[in-house]
Protein backbone atom coordinates (compact mmCIF):
# COMPACT_ATOMS: atom_id res chain seq x y z
CA UNK A 1 -30.18 -83.88 194.92
CA UNK A 2 -30.26 -80.71 192.79
CA UNK A 3 -30.98 -82.72 189.68
CA UNK A 4 -33.99 -84.26 191.36
CA UNK A 5 -35.33 -80.83 192.34
CA UNK A 6 -35.22 -79.72 188.71
CA UNK A 7 -37.50 -82.53 187.55
CA UNK A 8 -40.69 -81.33 185.91
CA UNK A 9 -43.96 -82.78 184.75
CA UNK A 10 -47.19 -84.17 186.13
CA UNK A 11 -47.13 -86.43 189.18
CA UNK A 12 -49.20 -88.42 191.68
CA UNK A 13 -48.86 -87.76 195.38
CA UNK A 14 -49.60 -90.72 197.68
CA UNK A 15 -50.52 -90.27 201.34
CA UNK A 16 -50.67 -92.77 204.17
CA UNK A 17 -52.02 -90.93 207.20
CA UNK A 18 -51.60 -92.70 210.51
CA UNK A 19 -52.50 -91.74 214.05
CA UNK A 20 -49.57 -89.41 214.46
CA UNK A 21 -47.76 -89.55 211.12
CA UNK A 22 -48.12 -88.92 207.40
CA UNK A 23 -46.05 -91.00 204.95
CA UNK A 24 -45.91 -89.69 201.41
CA UNK A 25 -44.41 -90.34 197.99
CA UNK A 26 -44.36 -88.57 194.64
CA UNK A 27 -44.50 -90.51 191.37
CA UNK A 28 -43.67 -88.83 188.10
CA UNK A 29 -45.96 -89.60 185.14
CA UNK A 30 -46.47 -91.39 182.89
CA UNK A 31 -44.03 -94.16 183.92
CA UNK A 32 -44.79 -93.72 187.67
CA UNK A 33 -41.12 -93.17 188.53
CA UNK A 34 -40.90 -92.61 192.26
CA UNK A 35 -38.90 -89.39 192.76
CA UNK A 36 -39.16 -88.79 196.48
CA UNK A 37 -40.42 -90.37 199.71
CA UNK A 38 -40.92 -88.70 203.08
CA UNK A 39 -42.60 -88.81 206.40
CA UNK A 40 -43.94 -86.42 209.07
CA UNK A 41 -43.80 -88.10 212.50
CA UNK A 42 -45.17 -87.21 215.91
CA UNK A 43 -47.83 -84.83 214.66
CA UNK A 44 -49.23 -82.90 217.58
CA UNK A 45 -45.96 -83.28 219.48
CA UNK A 46 -42.34 -82.64 218.53
CA UNK A 47 -43.13 -83.29 214.86
CA UNK A 48 -40.25 -84.28 212.55
CA UNK A 49 -40.25 -83.84 208.75
CA UNK A 50 -37.84 -86.14 206.82
CA UNK A 51 -37.55 -86.59 203.09
CA UNK A 52 -35.33 -88.50 200.65
CA UNK A 53 -35.04 -87.97 196.92
CA UNK A 54 -35.17 -91.33 195.18
CA UNK A 55 -31.63 -91.20 193.72
CA UNK A 56 -30.13 -89.88 196.98
CA UNK A 57 -29.51 -92.36 199.79
CA UNK A 58 -29.31 -89.55 202.34
CA UNK A 59 -32.44 -88.84 204.33
CA UNK A 60 -32.75 -85.18 205.13
CA UNK A 61 -34.50 -83.71 208.15
CA UNK A 62 -36.26 -80.45 207.46
CA UNK A 63 -37.03 -77.49 209.69
CA UNK A 64 -40.50 -76.07 210.09
CA UNK A 65 -40.76 -72.66 208.34
CA UNK A 66 -42.16 -70.90 211.38
CA UNK A 67 -40.20 -72.99 213.87
CA UNK A 68 -43.64 -74.24 215.13
CA UNK A 69 -44.37 -77.91 214.48
CA UNK A 70 -47.88 -78.70 213.09
CA UNK A 71 -50.56 -79.44 215.71
CA UNK A 72 -52.72 -81.69 213.49
CA UNK A 73 -52.90 -83.50 210.14
CA UNK A 74 -54.32 -80.47 208.31
CA UNK A 75 -51.39 -78.29 209.37
CA UNK A 76 -48.89 -81.07 208.64
CA UNK A 77 -50.23 -81.64 205.14
CA UNK A 78 -50.33 -77.93 204.48
CA UNK A 79 -46.61 -77.74 205.38
CA UNK A 80 -45.93 -80.70 203.09
CA UNK A 81 -47.70 -79.06 200.16
CA UNK A 82 -45.92 -75.74 200.70
CA UNK A 83 -42.60 -77.55 200.81
CA UNK A 84 -43.39 -79.36 197.57
CA UNK A 85 -44.32 -76.08 195.88
CA UNK A 86 -41.06 -74.45 196.99
CA UNK A 87 -38.75 -77.35 196.34
CA UNK A 88 -40.26 -79.03 193.33
CA UNK A 89 -42.18 -76.20 191.71
CA UNK A 90 -41.87 -77.71 188.20
CA UNK A 91 -43.88 -80.74 189.34
CA UNK A 92 -47.65 -80.56 188.96
CA UNK A 93 -49.65 -82.83 191.29
CA UNK A 94 -52.68 -83.97 189.30
CA UNK A 95 -54.14 -86.46 191.86
CA UNK A 96 -53.68 -87.64 195.42
CA UNK A 97 -53.97 -91.32 196.29
CA UNK A 98 -54.78 -92.26 199.91
CA UNK A 99 -54.40 -95.47 201.80
CA UNK A 100 -57.68 -96.13 203.61
CA UNK A 101 -57.72 -99.13 205.97
CA UNK A 102 -61.38 -100.00 205.76
CA UNK A 103 -63.77 -100.02 202.81
CA UNK A 104 -66.39 -102.19 204.45
CA UNK A 105 -68.50 -104.62 202.44
CA UNK A 106 -69.32 -101.98 199.81
CA UNK A 107 -65.96 -100.89 198.40
CA UNK A 108 -64.12 -103.65 196.59
CA UNK A 109 -62.02 -101.32 194.41
CA UNK A 110 -60.39 -97.88 194.63
CA UNK A 111 -62.75 -94.93 194.15
CA UNK A 112 -62.60 -91.21 193.50
CA UNK A 113 -63.66 -89.53 196.74
CA UNK A 114 -66.96 -87.68 196.75
CA UNK A 115 -69.01 -86.39 199.64
CA UNK A 116 -71.13 -89.54 199.38
CA UNK A 117 -67.98 -91.69 199.62
CA UNK A 118 -66.78 -89.72 202.64
CA UNK A 119 -70.12 -90.25 204.41
CA UNK A 120 -69.92 -93.97 203.69
CA UNK A 121 -66.35 -94.12 205.05
CA UNK A 122 -67.21 -92.07 208.14
CA UNK A 123 -69.83 -94.71 208.96
CA UNK A 124 -67.02 -97.30 208.97
CA UNK A 125 -64.99 -95.53 211.68
CA UNK A 126 -66.65 -97.82 214.27
CA UNK A 127 -65.05 -100.82 212.47
CA UNK A 128 -61.53 -99.33 212.43
CA UNK A 129 -61.48 -96.68 215.17
CA UNK A 130 -57.67 -96.55 215.41
CA UNK A 131 -57.02 -96.08 211.70
CA UNK A 132 -59.96 -94.82 209.71
CA UNK A 133 -60.34 -91.40 211.41
CA UNK A 134 -56.72 -90.54 210.50
CA UNK A 135 -57.08 -91.82 206.93
CA UNK A 136 -60.14 -89.61 206.50
CA UNK A 137 -58.42 -86.67 208.15
CA UNK A 138 -55.67 -87.02 205.53
CA UNK A 139 -58.27 -86.88 202.72
CA UNK A 140 -59.96 -83.82 204.22
CA UNK A 141 -56.65 -82.05 204.59
CA UNK A 142 -55.69 -82.85 200.99
CA UNK A 143 -59.05 -81.61 199.76
CA UNK A 144 -58.44 -78.30 201.49
CA UNK A 145 -54.89 -78.00 200.11
CA UNK A 146 -55.58 -79.14 196.53
CA UNK A 147 -59.11 -77.99 195.87
CA UNK A 148 -60.58 -79.73 192.83
CA UNK A 149 -57.67 -82.16 192.26
CA UNK A 150 -59.03 -85.76 192.46
CA UNK A 151 -58.60 -87.62 195.73
CA UNK A 152 -58.56 -91.38 195.32
CA UNK A 153 -59.23 -93.78 198.23
CA UNK A 154 -57.48 -97.17 198.02
CA UNK A 155 -58.67 -99.74 200.52
CA UNK A 156 -56.70 -102.35 202.47
CA UNK A 157 -59.82 -104.50 202.67
CA UNK A 158 -60.72 -104.43 198.94
CA UNK A 159 -58.35 -107.24 197.87
CA UNK A 160 -60.20 -109.71 200.14
CA UNK A 161 -63.75 -109.00 198.92
CA UNK A 162 -63.43 -112.17 196.80
CA UNK A 163 -63.80 -114.41 199.88
CA UNK A 164 -66.66 -116.88 200.10
CA UNK A 165 -69.35 -116.58 202.74
CA UNK A 166 -67.77 -119.27 204.93
CA UNK A 167 -64.46 -117.36 204.89
CA UNK A 168 -66.26 -114.12 205.73
CA UNK A 169 -68.65 -115.15 208.47
CA UNK A 170 -68.39 -115.88 212.18
CA UNK A 171 -70.52 -118.54 213.92
CA UNK A 172 -72.61 -116.02 215.79
CA UNK A 173 -76.24 -114.99 215.13
CA UNK A 174 -76.50 -114.20 211.46
CA UNK A 175 -77.95 -110.72 211.92
CA UNK A 176 -74.49 -109.56 213.04
CA UNK A 177 -73.22 -110.48 209.54
CA UNK A 178 -75.97 -108.32 208.05
CA UNK A 179 -74.66 -105.45 210.23
CA UNK A 180 -71.18 -105.83 208.75
CA UNK A 181 -69.63 -108.07 211.42
CA UNK A 182 -67.53 -110.34 209.26
CA UNK A 183 -63.95 -111.18 208.33
CA UNK A 184 -62.56 -108.40 206.18
CA UNK A 185 -58.84 -109.07 205.99
CA UNK A 186 -56.31 -106.22 205.66
CA UNK A 187 -52.93 -105.38 204.09
CA UNK A 188 -54.68 -105.76 200.75
CA UNK A 189 -52.53 -103.11 198.96
CA UNK A 190 -49.41 -105.05 199.90
CA UNK A 191 -50.94 -108.37 198.72
CA UNK A 192 -52.03 -106.79 195.47
CA UNK A 193 -48.47 -105.66 194.77
CA UNK A 194 -46.97 -109.06 195.57
CA UNK A 195 -49.61 -110.80 193.44
CA UNK A 196 -48.63 -108.55 190.54
CA UNK A 197 -44.97 -109.23 191.04
CA UNK A 198 -45.60 -113.00 191.01
CA UNK A 199 -47.55 -112.68 187.77
CA UNK A 200 -44.68 -110.73 186.20
CA UNK A 201 -41.65 -112.61 187.51
CA UNK A 202 -43.04 -116.11 188.19
CA UNK A 203 -45.98 -116.45 185.75
CA UNK A 204 -45.90 -120.24 185.81
CA UNK A 205 -46.36 -120.39 189.58
CA UNK A 206 -48.49 -117.28 190.18
CA UNK A 207 -51.79 -119.00 189.30
CA UNK A 208 -51.20 -121.81 191.77
CA UNK A 209 -51.71 -122.16 195.51
CA UNK A 210 -49.90 -119.26 197.13
CA UNK A 211 -49.39 -118.02 200.66
CA UNK A 212 -48.17 -114.45 201.17
CA UNK A 213 -46.83 -113.60 204.62
CA UNK A 214 -46.89 -109.85 205.23
CA UNK A 215 -44.84 -109.73 208.44
CA UNK A 216 -44.17 -106.36 210.00
CA UNK A 217 -45.28 -104.33 212.98
CA UNK A 218 -48.69 -105.23 211.61
CA UNK A 219 -48.77 -108.75 210.36
CA UNK A 220 -51.10 -111.06 208.45
CA UNK A 221 -51.07 -113.85 205.89
CA UNK A 222 -53.38 -114.58 202.95
CA UNK A 223 -54.04 -117.51 200.67
CA UNK A 224 -54.35 -117.00 196.91
CA UNK A 225 -55.64 -119.39 194.27
CA UNK A 226 -55.45 -118.23 190.68
CA UNK A 227 -54.11 -114.90 191.90
CA UNK A 228 -57.32 -114.27 193.96
CA UNK A 229 -57.50 -113.98 197.75
CA UNK A 230 -59.57 -116.85 199.19
CA UNK A 231 -58.67 -116.55 202.92
CA UNK A 232 -56.83 -114.26 205.31
CA UNK A 233 -55.59 -114.56 208.89
CA UNK A 234 -56.97 -111.13 209.79
CA UNK A 235 -60.67 -110.90 210.44
CA UNK A 236 -63.17 -108.30 211.60
CA UNK A 237 -60.39 -106.06 212.90
CA UNK A 238 -56.63 -105.74 212.58
CA UNK A 239 -56.28 -107.55 215.91
CA UNK A 240 -56.98 -111.00 214.60
CA UNK A 241 -54.64 -113.67 213.34
CA UNK A 242 -50.86 -113.35 213.90
CA UNK A 243 -49.35 -111.58 216.91
CA UNK A 244 -47.92 -108.21 215.86
CA UNK A 245 -45.68 -105.50 217.30
CA UNK A 246 -48.20 -104.37 219.92
CA UNK A 247 -51.42 -106.23 218.87
CA UNK A 248 -52.40 -109.54 220.33
CA UNK A 249 -53.44 -111.58 217.32
CA UNK A 250 -55.90 -114.44 217.75
CA UNK A 251 -57.27 -114.66 221.25
CA UNK A 252 -59.97 -116.65 223.05
CA UNK A 253 -62.97 -114.30 223.57
CA UNK A 254 -63.19 -115.74 227.06
CA UNK A 255 -60.04 -113.79 227.92
CA UNK A 256 -61.87 -110.56 227.10
CA UNK A 257 -64.82 -111.61 229.32
CA UNK A 258 -62.29 -112.31 232.09
CA UNK A 259 -60.82 -108.82 231.72
CA UNK A 260 -64.31 -107.33 231.95
CA UNK A 261 -65.75 -109.48 234.75
CA UNK A 262 -62.71 -110.24 236.92
CA UNK A 263 -60.58 -107.16 236.35
CA UNK A 264 -63.43 -104.74 235.80
CA UNK A 265 -61.82 -103.23 232.73
CA UNK A 266 -63.80 -101.03 230.38
CA UNK A 267 -64.01 -101.46 226.61
CA UNK A 268 -61.54 -98.60 226.18
CA UNK A 269 -59.07 -100.12 228.66
CA UNK A 270 -59.29 -103.52 226.99
CA UNK A 271 -58.77 -101.86 223.58
CA UNK A 272 -55.65 -100.14 224.89
CA UNK A 273 -54.25 -103.49 226.07
CA UNK A 274 -55.07 -105.43 222.89
CA UNK A 275 -53.91 -102.79 220.40
CA UNK A 276 -51.00 -101.13 222.21
CA UNK A 277 -49.64 -103.34 225.01
CA UNK A 278 -49.81 -106.84 223.56
CA UNK A 279 -48.04 -108.74 220.78
CA UNK A 280 -44.27 -108.82 220.83
CA UNK A 281 -44.20 -105.94 223.29
CA UNK A 282 -46.44 -107.68 225.75
CA UNK A 283 -44.84 -111.11 225.40
CA UNK A 284 -41.34 -109.65 225.86
CA UNK A 285 -42.38 -108.09 229.18
CA UNK A 286 -42.51 -104.63 227.65
CA UNK A 287 -38.97 -104.85 226.24
CA UNK A 288 -39.85 -103.95 222.62
CA UNK A 289 -42.30 -104.34 219.75
CA UNK A 290 -39.34 -104.29 217.32
CA UNK A 291 -38.17 -107.70 216.17
CA UNK A 292 -34.63 -106.41 215.63
CA UNK A 293 -34.41 -105.50 219.30
CA UNK A 294 -35.77 -108.87 220.38
CA UNK A 295 -33.39 -110.77 218.09
CA UNK A 296 -30.45 -108.87 219.61
CA UNK A 297 -31.57 -109.46 223.19
CA UNK A 298 -30.37 -112.24 225.51
CA UNK A 299 -33.39 -111.96 227.76
CA UNK A 300 -35.55 -115.11 228.01
CA UNK A 301 -38.68 -113.03 227.53
CA UNK A 302 -37.39 -111.86 224.14
CA UNK A 303 -36.71 -115.45 223.08
CA UNK A 304 -40.14 -116.53 224.20
CA UNK A 305 -41.82 -113.71 222.26
CA UNK A 306 -39.96 -114.81 219.10
CA UNK A 307 -40.81 -118.46 219.77
CA UNK A 308 -44.49 -117.63 220.01
CA UNK A 309 -44.40 -115.50 216.84
CA UNK A 310 -42.72 -118.30 214.83
CA UNK A 311 -45.18 -120.87 216.18
CA UNK A 312 -48.15 -118.76 215.05
CA UNK A 313 -46.76 -118.16 211.54
CA UNK A 314 -46.09 -121.89 211.17
CA UNK A 315 -49.59 -122.74 212.35
CA UNK A 316 -51.17 -120.34 209.87
CA UNK A 317 -49.12 -121.84 207.05
CA UNK A 318 -50.57 -125.19 207.91
CA UNK A 319 -54.11 -123.87 208.14
CA UNK A 320 -53.99 -121.93 204.87
CA UNK A 321 -52.42 -124.87 203.08
CA UNK A 322 -55.23 -127.13 204.31
CA UNK A 323 -57.84 -124.67 202.97
CA UNK A 324 -56.19 -124.73 199.53
CA UNK A 325 -55.51 -128.49 199.67
CA UNK A 326 -51.87 -127.89 198.89
CA UNK A 327 -49.17 -125.25 198.54
CA UNK A 328 -47.03 -124.21 195.57
CA UNK A 329 -45.52 -120.86 196.61
CA UNK A 330 -44.88 -118.94 199.83
CA UNK A 331 -43.76 -115.31 199.78
CA UNK A 332 -42.27 -113.31 202.67
CA UNK A 333 -42.72 -109.56 202.60
CA UNK A 334 -43.10 -106.64 205.04
CA UNK A 335 -40.43 -105.23 207.42
CA UNK A 336 -39.86 -108.55 209.22
CA UNK A 337 -40.62 -110.86 206.31
CA UNK A 338 -38.21 -109.09 203.98
CA UNK A 339 -35.43 -108.34 206.47
CA UNK A 340 -35.30 -110.97 209.18
CA UNK A 341 -33.09 -113.88 208.12
CA UNK A 342 -33.74 -115.62 211.41
CA UNK A 343 -37.54 -115.47 211.24
CA UNK A 344 -37.64 -116.81 207.68
CA UNK A 345 -35.23 -119.60 208.62
CA UNK A 346 -37.12 -120.62 211.73
CA UNK A 347 -40.52 -120.47 210.04
CA UNK A 348 -39.38 -122.62 207.10
CA UNK A 349 -37.36 -125.13 209.16
CA UNK A 350 -38.85 -128.57 209.76
CA UNK A 351 -41.38 -127.96 207.00
CA UNK A 352 -40.34 -130.80 204.68
CA UNK A 353 -43.71 -132.46 205.38
CA UNK A 354 -45.29 -129.68 203.32
CA UNK A 355 -42.64 -129.79 200.58
CA UNK A 356 -40.41 -126.92 201.77
CA UNK A 357 -36.61 -127.16 201.68
CA UNK A 358 -34.81 -123.90 202.56
CA UNK A 359 -31.69 -122.70 200.80
CA UNK A 360 -30.01 -121.30 203.89
CA UNK A 361 -27.26 -119.49 202.00
CA UNK A 362 -29.69 -117.71 199.69
CA UNK A 363 -31.80 -116.81 202.69
CA UNK A 364 -28.80 -115.35 204.56
CA UNK A 365 -27.77 -113.38 201.45
CA UNK A 366 -31.24 -111.87 200.94
CA UNK A 367 -31.99 -113.72 197.71
CA UNK A 368 -35.37 -113.57 195.99
CA UNK A 369 -35.63 -117.36 195.75
CA UNK A 370 -34.83 -118.82 199.18
CA UNK A 371 -35.90 -122.43 198.57
CA UNK A 372 -33.48 -125.11 197.30
CA UNK A 373 -33.79 -126.83 193.96
CA UNK A 374 -35.03 -129.90 195.83
CA UNK A 375 -37.94 -127.93 197.34
CA UNK A 376 -41.38 -128.73 195.92
CA UNK A 377 -42.65 -125.39 197.26
CA UNK A 378 -41.11 -122.22 195.82
CA UNK A 379 -40.11 -119.92 198.69
CA UNK A 380 -39.60 -116.25 197.91
CA UNK A 381 -38.56 -112.98 199.55
CA UNK A 382 -40.09 -109.91 197.80
CA UNK A 383 -40.15 -106.32 199.08
CA UNK A 384 -43.65 -104.85 198.98
CA UNK A 385 -44.56 -101.40 197.58
CA UNK A 386 -48.02 -100.28 198.65
CA UNK A 387 -47.35 -96.70 197.57
CA UNK A 388 -46.84 -97.77 193.95
CA UNK A 389 -50.12 -99.63 193.97
CA UNK A 390 -51.88 -96.49 195.29
CA UNK A 391 -50.18 -94.29 192.67
CA UNK A 392 -51.19 -96.62 189.85
CA UNK A 393 -54.79 -96.72 190.92
CA UNK A 394 -54.88 -92.95 191.32
CA UNK A 395 -53.39 -92.45 187.83
CA UNK A 396 -55.82 -94.91 186.24
CA UNK A 397 -58.90 -93.39 187.81
CA UNK A 398 -57.74 -89.86 187.06
CA UNK A 399 -57.21 -90.76 183.39
CA UNK A 400 -60.78 -92.04 183.25
CA UNK A 401 -62.16 -89.00 185.00
CA UNK A 402 -60.13 -86.27 183.28
CA UNK A 403 -58.73 -87.89 180.16
CA UNK A 404 -55.14 -87.26 181.28
């Protein structure tokens, strides 16, 4: 750990600000070597600050200097910056890259944040009320802490701005589309990383018909042709598509009308149910939103939640394959996709009709290639790295801006 602290040079800081947490990483230039990762959890409550140097497998919990946990994102980020200055004072942060969930129809690539950009993004809060405010709070806090150092916004929606009109629109009056009511798709930073990995490690297959399944507490799938996103299971919001840890996934709008008309629930109450009480948590009777807990449980509700999850992933594979008129590659990533042997096995079982034959031993051993030699479809397990994508974009834009 001491050797890591003595590292010196210029670096990129990446920040992923959530509703009550800040995840961060530091990448040393010019090779973008990740030297540390950390997280501040439960901001506004009993906040915890943990950090791990990249070459050290031990995660360390840190104490707050004044024994008073931060009350908001600004205070939390200030503590983070002060800690970096004390602990890694030979490292010069030259830019900060931020994950921003929503870029709307306008932003199809990362941008250096200006006041005009901030105003545009603040107008998008209505489209992502549970995520965007915290992303923007992280940017504001970093601006206060770093002054003139460039802040770069990297959007989860940008990767999907290549969709056609019919993949973007809903069959409702067209003026809603003009207002920005369309299918955006999310998890774009993860998909961008996986697409790059495919190009590097499987160049012959990367330009074909590919499905990437980003399965985690948030979950979605996307279809790529020629390395470009042509369709996604997520739509206008992060509620659509697959069921998630606490989010419902696809749902008949009539259910929402029922909640309003029969139960008398307000928009806020319905939002609370759909975002925080549904998905795996809701289906399991409140047992857990964590797939590991459900897999270990003997309760029938846990089994039923998993059964539903698998059914939905299988259905989306079929739908995305139909849109592409075939399938060459499927990739599993995300917390569940990368780590759950059972989910991968169940999803890929009985899929010979589509050309999939699972190598069960490779799947159990965590192999990269988990399809058999007899499989027409190449099945892969690849860990994602959204932070590296953010760091690369931040470095590239900073070089253009400052000539670094």
